[in-house]
């Protein structure tokens, strides 16, 4: 079983990863909407192609930012320690590690 500190770090990392994924999804959706808008406004095939390329570039950037954020979160968790070997409770009332009183 994970210690309280480790479980908290894991939960924090997961929450940050979900937020990064949501942000990336939002950025991808914005890129798609802007690309569709530009294609509808333009009659020039070259401009339509440029709009598609910008969309793909923005989607790639959003995905790269998400991956970088996830790596950073994992590194932060690793550097803060996982709490393994750390026992914050030394026993006492209500503790299963202490002696019975």
PDB file of N, CA and C in Angstrom:
ATOM      1  N   UNK A   1       0.844  -1.185   0.000  1.00  0.00           N
ATOM      2  CA  UNK A   1       0.000   0.000   0.000  1.00  0.00           C
ATOM      3  C   UNK A   1       0.886   1.244   0.000  1.00  0.00           C
ATOM      4  N   UNK A   2       0.471   2.238  -0.722  1.00  0.00           N
ATOM      5  CA  UNK A   2       1.250   3.467  -0.801  1.00  0.00           C
ATOM      6  C   UNK A   2       1.086   4.274   0.478  1.00  0.00           C
ATOM      7  N   UNK A   3       2.142   4.978   0.835  1.00  0.00           N
ATOM      8  CA  UNK A   3       2.028   5.852   1.989  1.00  0.00           C
ATOM      9  C   UNK A   3       1.186   7.056   1.596  1.00  0.00           C
ATOM     10  N   UNK A   4       0.769   7.837   2.572  1.00  0.00           N
ATOM     11  CA  UNK A   4      -0.079   9.001   2.310  1.00  0.00           C
ATOM     12  C   UNK A   4       0.586  10.005   1.386  1.00  0.00           C
ATOM     13  N   UNK A   5       1.864  10.241   1.584  1.00  0.00           N
ATOM     14  CA  UNK A   5       2.591  11.208   0.762  1.00  0.00           C
ATOM     15  C   UNK A   5       2.691  10.713  -0.676  1.00  0.00           C
ATOM     16  N   UNK A   6       2.982   9.433  -0.841  1.00  0.00           N
ATOM     17  CA  UNK A   6       3.099   8.853  -2.167  1.00  0.00           C
ATOM     18  C   UNK A   6       1.756   8.864  -2.890  1.00  0.00           C
ATOM     19  N   UNK A   7       0.706   8.512  -2.181  1.00  0.00           N
ATOM     20  CA  UNK A   7      -0.625   8.507  -2.777  1.00  0.00           C
ATOM     21  C   UNK A   7      -1.036   9.914  -3.185  1.00  0.00           C
ATOM     22  N   UNK A   8      -0.683  10.885  -2.360  1.00  0.00           N
ATOM     23  CA  UNK A   8      -1.017  12.277  -2.672  1.00  0.00           C
ATOM     24  C   UNK A   8      -0.250  12.741  -3.898  1.00  0.00           C
ATOM     25  N   UNK A   9       1.031  12.378  -3.992  1.00  0.00           N
ATOM     26  CA  UNK A   9       1.846  12.765  -5.141  1.00  0.00           C
ATOM     27  C   UNK A   9       1.306  12.122  -6.418  1.00  0.00           C
ATOM     28  N   UNK A  10       0.900  10.868  -6.315  1.00  0.00           N
ATOM     29  CA  UNK A  10       0.338  10.171  -7.464  1.00  0.00           C
ATOM     30  C   UNK A  10      -0.965  10.821  -7.907  1.00  0.00           C
ATOM     31  N   UNK A  11      -1.816  11.146  -6.958  1.00  0.00           N
ATOM     32  CA  UNK A  11      -3.092  11.786  -7.281  1.00  0.00           C
ATOM     33  C   UNK A  11      -2.868  13.160  -7.913  1.00  0.00           C
ATOM     34  N   UNK A  12      -1.905  13.896  -7.377  1.00  0.00           N
ATOM     35  CA  UNK A  12      -1.592  15.223  -7.926  1.00  0.00           C
ATOM     36  C   UNK A  12      -1.083  15.091  -9.358  1.00  0.00           C
ATOM     37  N   UNK A  13      -0.202  14.126  -9.588  1.00  0.00           N
ATOM     38  CA  UNK A  13       0.338  13.913 -10.939  1.00  0.00           C
ATOM     39  C   UNK A  13      -0.779  13.550 -11.915  1.00  0.00           C
ATOM     40  N   UNK A  14      -1.671  12.675 -11.489  1.00  0.00           N
ATOM     41  CA  UNK A  14      -2.775  12.280 -12.360  1.00  0.00           C
ATOM     42  C   UNK A  14      -3.678  13.465 -12.674  1.00  0.00           C
ATOM     43  N   UNK A  15      -3.967  14.289 -11.684  1.00  0.00           N
ATOM     44  CA  UNK A  15      -4.810  15.464 -11.900  1.00  0.00           C
ATOM     45  C   UNK A  15      -4.144  16.442 -12.860  1.00  0.00           C
ATOM     46  N   UNK A  16      -2.847  16.638 -12.701  1.00  0.00           N
ATOM     47  CA  UNK A  16      -2.122  17.537 -13.594  1.00  0.00           C
ATOM     48  C   UNK A  16      -2.087  16.978 -15.015  1.00  0.00           C
ATOM     49  N   UNK A  17      -1.967  15.660 -15.141  1.00  0.00           N
ATOM     50  CA  UNK A  17      -1.968  15.039 -16.468  1.00  0.00           C
ATOM     51  C   UNK A  17      -3.333  15.175 -17.139  1.00  0.00           C
ATOM     52  N   UNK A  18      -4.395  15.031 -16.373  1.00  0.00           N
ATOM     53  CA  UNK A  18      -5.741  15.209 -16.923  1.00  0.00           C
ATOM     54  C   UNK A  18      -5.917  16.648 -17.405  1.00  0.00           C
ATOM     55  N   UNK A  19      -5.430  17.589 -16.614  1.00  0.00           N
ATOM     56  CA  UNK A  19      -5.529  18.999 -17.000  1.00  0.00           C
ATOM     57  C   UNK A  19      -4.732  19.266 -18.275  1.00  0.00           C
ATOM     58  N   UNK A  20      -3.547  18.684 -18.379  1.00  0.00           N
ATOM     59  CA  UNK A  20      -2.729  18.868 -19.586  1.00  0.00           C
ATOM     60  C   UNK A  20      -3.421  18.270 -20.803  1.00  0.00           C
ATOM     61  N   UNK A  21      -4.039  17.106 -20.627  1.00  0.00           N
ATOM     62  CA  UNK A  21      -4.762  16.477 -21.738  1.00  0.00           C
ATOM     63  C   UNK A  21      -5.966  17.312 -22.155  1.00  0.00           C
ATOM     64  N   UNK A  22      -6.667  17.863 -21.186  1.00  0.00           N
ATOM     65  CA  UNK A  22      -7.830  18.705 -21.494  1.00  0.00           C
ATOM     66  C   UNK A  22      -7.399  19.965 -22.238  1.00  0.00           C
ATOM     67  N   UNK A  23      -6.305  20.556 -21.792  1.00  0.00           N
ATOM     68  CA  UNK A  23      -5.804  21.765 -22.457  1.00  0.00           C
ATOM     69  C   UNK A  23      -5.396  21.446 -23.892  1.00  0.00           C
ATOM     70  N   UNK A  24      -4.723  20.315 -24.094  1.00  0.00           N
ATOM     71  CA  UNK A  24      -4.310  19.917 -25.436  1.00  0.00           C
ATOM     72  C   UNK A  24      -5.529  19.674 -26.321  1.00  0.00           C
ATOM     73  N   UNK A  25      -6.553  19.038 -25.764  1.00  0.00           N
ATOM     74  CA  UNK A  25      -7.782  18.802 -26.517  1.00  0.00           C
ATOM     75  C   UNK A  25      -8.451  20.096 -26.933  1.00  0.00           C
ATOM     76  N   UNK A  26      -8.442  21.066 -26.035  1.00  0.00           N
ATOM     77  CA  UNK A  26      -9.019  22.379 -26.337  1.00  0.00           C
ATOM     78  C   UNK A  26      -8.248  23.066 -27.451  1.00  0.00           C
ATOM     79  N   UNK A  27      -6.918  23.007 -27.370  1.00  0.00           N
ATOM     80  CA  UNK A  27      -6.090  23.636 -28.396  1.00  0.00           C
ATOM     81  C   UNK A  27      -6.290  22.964 -29.754  1.00  0.00           C
ATOM     82  N   UNK A  28      -6.424  21.650 -29.764  1.00  0.00           N
ATOM     83  CA  UNK A  28      -6.662  20.930 -31.017  1.00  0.00           C
ATOM     84  C   UNK A  28      -8.007  21.314 -31.612  1.00  0.00           C
ATOM     85  N   UNK A  29      -9.012  21.432 -30.765  1.00  0.00           N
ATOM     86  CA  UNK A  29     -10.347  21.813 -31.241  1.00  0.00           C
ATOM     87  C   UNK A  29     -10.325  23.230 -31.815  1.00  0.00           C
ATOM     88  N   UNK A  30      -9.626  24.140 -31.137  1.00  0.00           N
ATOM     89  CA  UNK A  30      -9.514  25.512 -31.644  1.00  0.00           C
ATOM     90  C   UNK A  30      -8.823  25.523 -33.005  1.00  0.00           C
ATOM     91  N   UNK A  31      -7.775  24.730 -33.147  1.00  0.00           N
ATOM     92  CA  UNK A  31      -7.050  24.667 -34.416  1.00  0.00           C
ATOM     93  C   UNK A  31      -7.956  24.160 -35.526  1.00  0.00           C
ATOM     94  N   UNK A  32      -8.774  23.171 -35.230  1.00  0.00           N
ATOM     95  CA  UNK A  32      -9.682  22.621 -36.229  1.00  0.00           C
ATOM     96  C   UNK A  32     -10.733  23.646 -36.637  1.00  0.00           C
ATOM     97  N   UNK A  33     -11.301  24.332 -35.667  1.00  0.00           N
ATOM     98  CA  UNK A  33     -12.322  25.340 -35.964  1.00  0.00           C
ATOM     99  C   UNK A  33     -11.732  26.466 -36.805  1.00  0.00           C
ATOM    100  N   UNK A  34     -10.549  26.930 -36.431  1.00  0.00           N
ATOM    101  CA  UNK A  34      -9.918  28.005 -37.198  1.00  0.00           C
ATOM    102  C   UNK A  34      -9.588  27.551 -38.618  1.00  0.00           C
ATOM    103  N   UNK A  35      -9.142  26.311 -38.761  1.00  0.00           N
ATOM    104  CA  UNK A  35      -8.823  25.780 -40.087  1.00  0.00           C
ATOM    105  C   UNK A  35     -10.086  25.717 -40.944  1.00  0.00           C
ATOM    106  N   UNK A  36     -11.166  25.241 -40.379  1.00  0.00           N
ATOM    107  CA  UNK A  36     -12.433  25.152 -41.128  1.00  0.00           C
ATOM    108  C   UNK A  36     -12.913  26.542 -41.530  1.00  0.00           C
ATOM    109  N   UNK A  37     -12.789  27.496 -40.615  1.00  0.00           N
ATOM    110  CA  UNK A  37     -13.204  28.872 -40.899  1.00  0.00           C
ATOM    111  C   UNK A  37     -12.366  29.467 -42.029  1.00  0.00           C
ATOM    112  N   UNK A  38     -11.054  29.268 -41.955  1.00  0.00           N
ATOM    113  CA  UNK A  38     -10.178  29.796 -43.001  1.00  0.00           C
ATOM    114  C   UNK A  38     -10.483  29.155 -44.353  1.00  0.00           C
ATOM    115  N   UNK A  39     -10.762  27.865 -44.350  1.00  0.00           N
ATOM    116  CA  UNK A  39     -11.071  27.177 -45.611  1.00  0.00           C
ATOM    117  C   UNK A  39     -12.382  27.681 -46.210  1.00  0.00           C
ATOM    118  N   UNK A  40     -13.356  27.978 -45.364  1.00  0.00           N
ATOM    119  CA  UNK A  40     -14.648  28.484 -45.870  1.00  0.00           C
ATOM    120  C   UNK A  40     -14.493  29.889 -46.430  1.00  0.00           C
ATOM    121  N   UNK A  41     -13.653  30.704 -45.817  1.00  0.00           N
ATOM    122  CA  UNK A  41     -13.475  32.084 -46.259  1.00  0.00           C
ATOM    123  C   UNK A  41     -12.638  32.176 -47.536  1.00  0.00           C
ATOM    124  N   UNK A  42     -11.786  31.222 -47.749  1.00  0.00           N
ATOM    125  CA  UNK A  42     -10.840  31.293 -48.853  1.00  0.00           C
ATOM    126  C   UNK A  42     -11.370  30.559 -50.090  1.00  0.00           C
ATOM    127  N   UNK A  43     -11.018  31.106 -51.247  1.00  0.00           N
ATOM    128  CA  UNK A  43     -11.330  30.435 -52.512  1.00  0.00           C
ATOM    129  C   UNK A  43     -10.069  29.887 -53.160  1.00  0.00           C
ATOM    130  N   UNK A  44      -8.932  30.366 -52.688  1.00  0.00           N
ATOM    131  CA  UNK A  44      -7.651  29.971 -53.253  1.00  0.00           C
ATOM    132  C   UNK A  44      -7.220  28.620 -52.676  1.00  0.00           C
ATOM    133  N   UNK A  45      -6.970  27.631 -53.534  1.00  0.00           N
ATOM    134  CA  UNK A  45      -6.545  26.313 -53.036  1.00  0.00           C
ATOM    135  C   UNK A  45      -5.245  26.364 -52.224  1.00  0.00           C
ATOM    136  N   UNK A  46      -4.343  27.281 -52.573  1.00  0.00           N
ATOM    137  CA  UNK A  46      -3.085  27.395 -51.826  1.00  0.00           C
ATOM    138  C   UNK A  46      -3.354  27.868 -50.395  1.00  0.00           C
ATOM    139  N   UNK A  47      -4.284  28.799 -50.234  1.00  0.00           N
ATOM    140  CA  UNK A  47      -4.630  29.271 -48.893  1.00  0.00           C
ATOM    141  C   UNK A  47      -5.313  28.173 -48.088  1.00  0.00           C
ATOM    142  N   UNK A  48      -6.121  27.371 -48.758  1.00  0.00           N
ATOM    143  CA  UNK A  48      -6.779  26.255 -48.065  1.00  0.00           C
ATOM    144  C   UNK A  48      -5.739  25.242 -47.594  1.00  0.00           C
ATOM    145  N   UNK A  49      -4.763  24.983 -48.453  1.00  0.00           N
ATOM    146  CA  UNK A  49      -3.697  24.046 -48.087  1.00  0.00           C
ATOM    147  C   UNK A  49      -2.879  24.609 -46.922  1.00  0.00           C
ATOM    148  N   UNK A  50      -2.601  25.910 -46.958  1.00  0.00           N
ATOM    149  CA  UNK A  50      -1.851  26.544 -45.869  1.00  0.00           C
ATOM    150  C   UNK A  50      -2.627  26.449 -44.563  1.00  0.00           C
ATOM    151  N   UNK A  51      -3.948  26.593 -44.631  1.00  0.00           N
ATOM    152  CA  UNK A  51      -4.781  26.485 -43.435  1.00  0.00           C
ATOM    153  C   UNK A  51      -4.695  25.081 -42.849  1.00  0.00           C
ATOM    154  N   UNK A  52      -4.700  24.074 -43.712  1.00  0.00           N
ATOM    155  CA  UNK A  52      -4.572  22.689 -43.241  1.00  0.00           C
ATOM    156  C   UNK A  52      -3.222  22.465 -42.581  1.00  0.00           C
ATOM    157  N   UNK A  53      -2.168  23.021 -43.179  1.00  0.00           N
ATOM    158  CA  UNK A  53      -0.828  22.853 -42.615  1.00  0.00           C
ATOM    159  C   UNK A  53      -0.716  23.530 -41.254  1.00  0.00           C
ATOM    160  N   UNK A  54      -1.313  24.714 -41.116  1.00  0.00           N
ATOM    161  CA  UNK A  54      -1.286  25.409 -39.823  1.00  0.00           C
ATOM    162  C   UNK A  54      -2.037  24.598 -38.773  1.00  0.00           C
ATOM    163  N   UNK A  55      -3.158  24.009 -39.181  1.00  0.00           N
ATOM    164  CA  UNK A  55      -3.922  23.190 -38.236  1.00  0.00           C
ATOM    165  C   UNK A  55      -3.087  22.011 -37.747  1.00  0.00           C
ATOM    166  N   UNK A  56      -2.462  21.306 -38.667  1.00  0.00           N
ATOM    167  CA  UNK A  56      -1.650  20.150 -38.281  1.00  0.00           C
ATOM    168  C   UNK A  56      -0.480  20.569 -37.394  1.00  0.00           C
ATOM    169  N   UNK A  57       0.122  21.708 -37.701  1.00  0.00           N
ATOM    170  CA  UNK A  57       1.233  22.204 -36.896  1.00  0.00           C
ATOM    171  C   UNK A  57       0.757  22.529 -35.478  1.00  0.00           C
ATOM    172  N   UNK A  58      -0.377  23.207 -35.364  1.00  0.00           N
ATOM    173  CA  UNK A  58      -0.895  23.568 -34.035  1.00  0.00           C
ATOM    174  C   UNK A  58      -1.283  22.325 -33.242  1.00  0.00           C
ATOM    175  N   UNK A  59      -1.863  21.335 -33.918  1.00  0.00           N
ATOM    176  CA  UNK A  59      -2.215  20.097 -33.227  1.00  0.00           C
ATOM    177  C   UNK A  59      -0.966  19.385 -32.727  1.00  0.00           C
ATOM    178  N   UNK A  60       0.067  19.371 -33.547  1.00  0.00           N
ATOM    179  CA  UNK A  60       1.331  18.751 -33.145  1.00  0.00           C
ATOM    180  C   UNK A  60       1.956  19.465 -31.964  1.00  0.00           C
ATOM    181  N   UNK A  61       1.899  20.803 -31.980  1.00  0.00           N
ATOM    182  CA  UNK A  61       2.441  21.580 -30.864  1.00  0.00           C
ATOM    183  C   UNK A  61       1.670  21.291 -29.579  1.00  0.00           C
ATOM    184  N   UNK A  62       0.357  21.201 -29.679  1.00  0.00           N
ATOM    185  CA  UNK A  62      -0.466  20.922 -28.494  1.00  0.00           C
ATOM    186  C   UNK A  62      -0.134  19.545 -27.926  1.00  0.00           C
ATOM    187  N   UNK A  63       0.041  18.572 -28.808  1.00  0.00           N
ATOM    188  CA  UNK A  63       0.379  17.222 -28.361  1.00  0.00           C
ATOM    189  C   UNK A  63       1.767  17.194 -27.722  1.00  0.00           C
ATOM    190  N   UNK A  64       2.717  17.928 -28.307  1.00  0.00           N
ATOM    191  CA  UNK A  64       4.070  17.987 -27.747  1.00  0.00           C
ATOM    192  C   UNK A  64       4.065  18.655 -26.371  1.00  0.00           C
ATOM    193  N   UNK A  65       3.271  19.711 -26.226  1.00  0.00           N
ATOM    194  CA  UNK A  65       3.165  20.382 -24.922  1.00  0.00           C
ATOM    195  C   UNK A  65       2.573  19.444 -23.881  1.00  0.00           C
ATOM    196  N   UNK A  66       1.593  18.649 -24.289  1.00  0.00           N
ATOM    197  CA  UNK A  66       0.976  17.699 -23.364  1.00  0.00           C
ATOM    198  C   UNK A  66       2.001  16.669 -22.908  1.00  0.00           C
ATOM    199  N   UNK A  67       2.768  16.117 -23.852  1.00  0.00           N
ATOM    200  CA  UNK A  67       3.777  15.127 -23.496  1.00  0.00           C
ATOM    201  C   UNK A  67       4.845  15.729 -22.576  1.00  0.00           C
ATOM    202  N   UNK A  68       5.257  16.957 -22.879  1.00  0.00           N
ATOM    203  CA  UNK A  68       6.258  17.624 -22.043  1.00  0.00           C
ATOM    204  C   UNK A  68       5.729  17.859 -20.635  1.00  0.00           C
ATOM    205  N   UNK A  69       4.465  18.250 -20.533  1.00  0.00           N
ATOM    206  CA  UNK A  69       3.864  18.481 -19.219  1.00  0.00           C
ATOM    207  C   UNK A  69       3.806  17.180 -18.427  1.00  0.00           C
ATOM    208  N   UNK A  70       3.419  16.082 -19.091  1.00  0.00           N
ATOM    209  CA  UNK A  70       3.353  14.793 -18.396  1.00  0.00           C
ATOM    210  C   UNK A  70       4.736  14.357 -17.912  1.00  0.00           C
ATOM    211  N   UNK A  71       5.758  14.574 -18.740  1.00  0.00           N
ATOM    212  CA  UNK A  71       7.120  14.226 -18.328  1.00  0.00           C
ATOM    213  C   UNK A  71       7.559  15.073 -17.137  1.00  0.00           C
ATOM    214  N   UNK A  72       7.214  16.360 -17.176  1.00  0.00           N
ATOM    215  CA  UNK A  72       7.565  17.246 -16.072  1.00  0.00           C
ATOM    216  C   UNK A  72       6.876  16.805 -14.790  1.00  0.00           C
ATOM    217  N   UNK A  73       5.610  16.419 -14.889  1.00  0.00           N
ATOM    218  CA  UNK A  73       4.874  15.978 -13.697  1.00  0.00           C
ATOM    219  C   UNK A  73       5.510  14.716 -13.110  1.00  0.00           C
ATOM    220  N   UNK A  74       5.925  13.805 -13.985  1.00  0.00           N
ATOM    221  CA  UNK A  74       6.565  12.576 -13.509  1.00  0.00           C
ATOM    222  C   UNK A  74       7.898  12.899 -12.837  1.00  0.00           C
ATOM    223  N   UNK A  75       8.663  13.831 -13.424  1.00  0.00           N
ATOM    224  CA  UNK A  75       9.938  14.225 -12.825  1.00  0.00           C
ATOM    225  C   UNK A  75       9.722  14.885 -11.469  1.00  0.00           C
ATOM    226  N   UNK A  76       8.705  15.743 -11.372  1.00  0.00           N
ATOM    227  CA  UNK A  76       8.416  16.414 -10.101  1.00  0.00           C
ATOM    228  C   UNK A  76       8.077  15.392  -9.033  1.00  0.00           C
ATOM    229  N   UNK A  77       7.294  14.398  -9.406  1.00  0.00           N
ATOM    230  CA  UNK A  77       6.917  13.370  -8.449  1.00  0.00           C
ATOM    231  C   UNK A  77       8.133  12.566  -8.023  1.00  0.00           C
ATOM    232  N   UNK A  78       9.007  12.281  -8.970  1.00  0.00           N
ATOM    233  CA  UNK A  78      10.210  11.505  -8.655  1.00  0.00           C
ATOM    234  C   UNK A  78      11.154  12.281  -7.745  1.00  0.00           C
ATOM    235  N   UNK A  79      11.270  13.587  -7.946  1.00  0.00           N
ATOM    236  CA  UNK A  79      12.196  14.374  -7.127  1.00  0.00           C
ATOM    237  C   UNK A  79      11.643  14.684  -5.751  1.00  0.00           C
ATOM    238  N   UNK A  80      10.326  14.695  -5.592  1.00  0.00           N
ATOM    239  CA  UNK A  80       9.757  14.960  -4.271  1.00  0.00           C
ATOM    240  C   UNK A  80       9.797  13.720  -3.400  1.00  0.00           C
ATOM    241  N   UNK A  81      10.072  12.590  -3.995  1.00  0.00           N
ATOM    242  CA  UNK A  81      10.129  11.342  -3.238  1.00  0.00           C
ATOM    243  C   UNK A  81       8.777  10.673  -3.220  1.00  0.00           C
ATOM    244  N   UNK A  82       8.804   9.388  -3.071  1.00  0.00           N
ATOM    245  CA  UNK A  82       7.556   8.631  -3.083  1.00  0.00           C
ATOM    246  C   UNK A  82       7.080   8.285  -1.698  1.00  0.00           C
ATOM    247  N   UNK A  83       7.856   8.602  -0.703  1.00  0.00           N
ATOM    248  CA  UNK A  83       7.459   8.298   0.659  1.00  0.00           C
ATOM    249  C   UNK A  83       7.808   6.886   1.076  1.00  0.00           C
ATOM    250  N   UNK A  84       8.476   6.136   0.231  1.00  0.00           N
ATOM    251  CA  UNK A  84       8.835   4.764   0.564  1.00  0.00           C
ATOM    252  C   UNK A  84       9.865   4.793   1.687  1.00  0.00           C
ATOM    253  N   UNK A  85       9.622   4.015   2.691  1.00  0.00           N
ATOM    254  CA  UNK A  85      10.529   3.959   3.827  1.00  0.00           C
ATOM    255  C   UNK A  85      10.250   5.029   4.868  1.00  0.00           C
ATOM    256  N   UNK A  86       9.361   5.924   4.603  1.00  0.00           N
ATOM    257  CA  UNK A  86       9.035   7.006   5.525  1.00  0.00           C
ATOM    258  C   UNK A  86       7.798   6.601   6.309  1.00  0.00           C
ATOM    259  N   UNK A  87       7.896   6.630   7.616  1.00  0.00           N
ATOM    260  CA  UNK A  87       6.774   6.255   8.460  1.00  0.00           C
ATOM    261  C   UNK A  87       6.399   7.445   9.336  1.00  0.00           C
ATOM    262  N   UNK A  88       5.393   8.218   8.929  1.00  0.00           N
ATOM    263  CA  UNK A  88       5.050   9.406   9.680  1.00  0.00           C
ATOM    264  C   UNK A  88       4.404   9.103  11.027  1.00  0.00           C
ATOM    265  N   UNK A  89       3.834   7.899  11.192  1.00  0.00           N
ATOM    266  CA  UNK A  89       3.159   7.551  12.446  1.00  0.00           C
ATOM    267  C   UNK A  89       4.077   6.689  13.290  1.00  0.00           C
ATOM    268  N   UNK A  90       4.217   7.065  14.526  1.00  0.00           N
ATOM    269  CA  UNK A  90       5.061   6.291  15.430  1.00  0.00           C
ATOM    270  C   UNK A  90       4.244   5.475  16.408  1.00  0.00           C
ATOM    271  N   UNK A  91       2.960   5.477  16.247  1.00  0.00           N
ATOM    272  CA  UNK A  91       2.116   4.719  17.139  1.00  0.00           C
ATOM    273  C   UNK A  91       1.258   5.638  17.980  1.00  0.00           C
ATOM    274  N   UNK A  92       0.534   5.091  18.887  1.00  0.00           N
ATOM    275  CA  UNK A  92      -0.310   5.874  19.746  1.00  0.00           C
ATOM    276  C   UNK A  92      -1.770   5.484  19.572  1.00  0.00           C
ATOM    277  N   UNK A  93      -2.653   6.277  20.138  1.00  0.00           N
ATOM    278  CA  UNK A  93      -4.080   5.967  20.116  1.00  0.00           C
ATOM    279  C   UNK A  93      -4.613   5.863  18.685  1.00  0.00           C
ATOM    280  N   UNK A  94      -5.244   4.782  18.380  1.00  0.00           N
ATOM    281  CA  UNK A  94      -5.855   4.587  17.067  1.00  0.00           C
ATOM    282  C   UNK A  94      -4.881   4.138  16.002  1.00  0.00           C
ATOM    283  N   UNK A  95      -3.645   3.901  16.350  1.00  0.00           N
ATOM    284  CA  UNK A  95      -2.650   3.490  15.389  1.00  0.00           C
ATOM    285  C   UNK A  95      -2.493   1.994  15.417  1.00  0.00           C
ATOM    286  N   UNK A  96      -2.411   1.406  14.246  1.00  0.00           N
ATOM    287  CA  UNK A  96      -2.211  -0.048  14.201  1.00  0.00           C
ATOM    288  C   UNK A  96      -0.744  -0.404  14.347  1.00  0.00           C
ATOM    289  N   UNK A  97       0.152   0.599  14.305  1.00  0.00           N
ATOM    290  CA  UNK A  97       1.576   0.324  14.430  1.00  0.00           C
ATOM    291  C   UNK A  97       2.075   0.439  15.853  1.00  0.00           C
ATOM    292  N   UNK A  98       1.284   1.061  16.709  1.00  0.00           N
ATOM    293  CA  UNK A  98       1.722   1.267  18.104  1.00  0.00           C
ATOM    294  C   UNK A  98       1.312   0.098  18.969  1.00  0.00           C
ATOM    295  N   UNK A  99       1.787   0.121  20.173  1.00  0.00           N
ATOM    296  CA  UNK A  99       1.427  -0.933  21.101  1.00  0.00           C
ATOM    297  C   UNK A  99       0.065  -0.644  21.711  1.00  0.00           C
ATOM    298  N   UNK A 100      -0.593  -1.681  22.115  1.00  0.00           N
ATOM    299  CA  UNK A 100      -1.918  -1.515  22.738  1.00  0.00           C
ATOM    300  C   UNK A 100      -1.747  -0.885  24.102  1.00  0.00           C
ATOM    301  N   UNK A 101      -2.581   0.069  24.428  1.00  0.00           N
ATOM    302  CA  UNK A 101      -2.474   0.760  25.712  1.00  0.00           C
ATOM    303  C   UNK A 101      -3.557   0.299  26.623  1.00  0.00           C
TER     304      UNK A 101
END
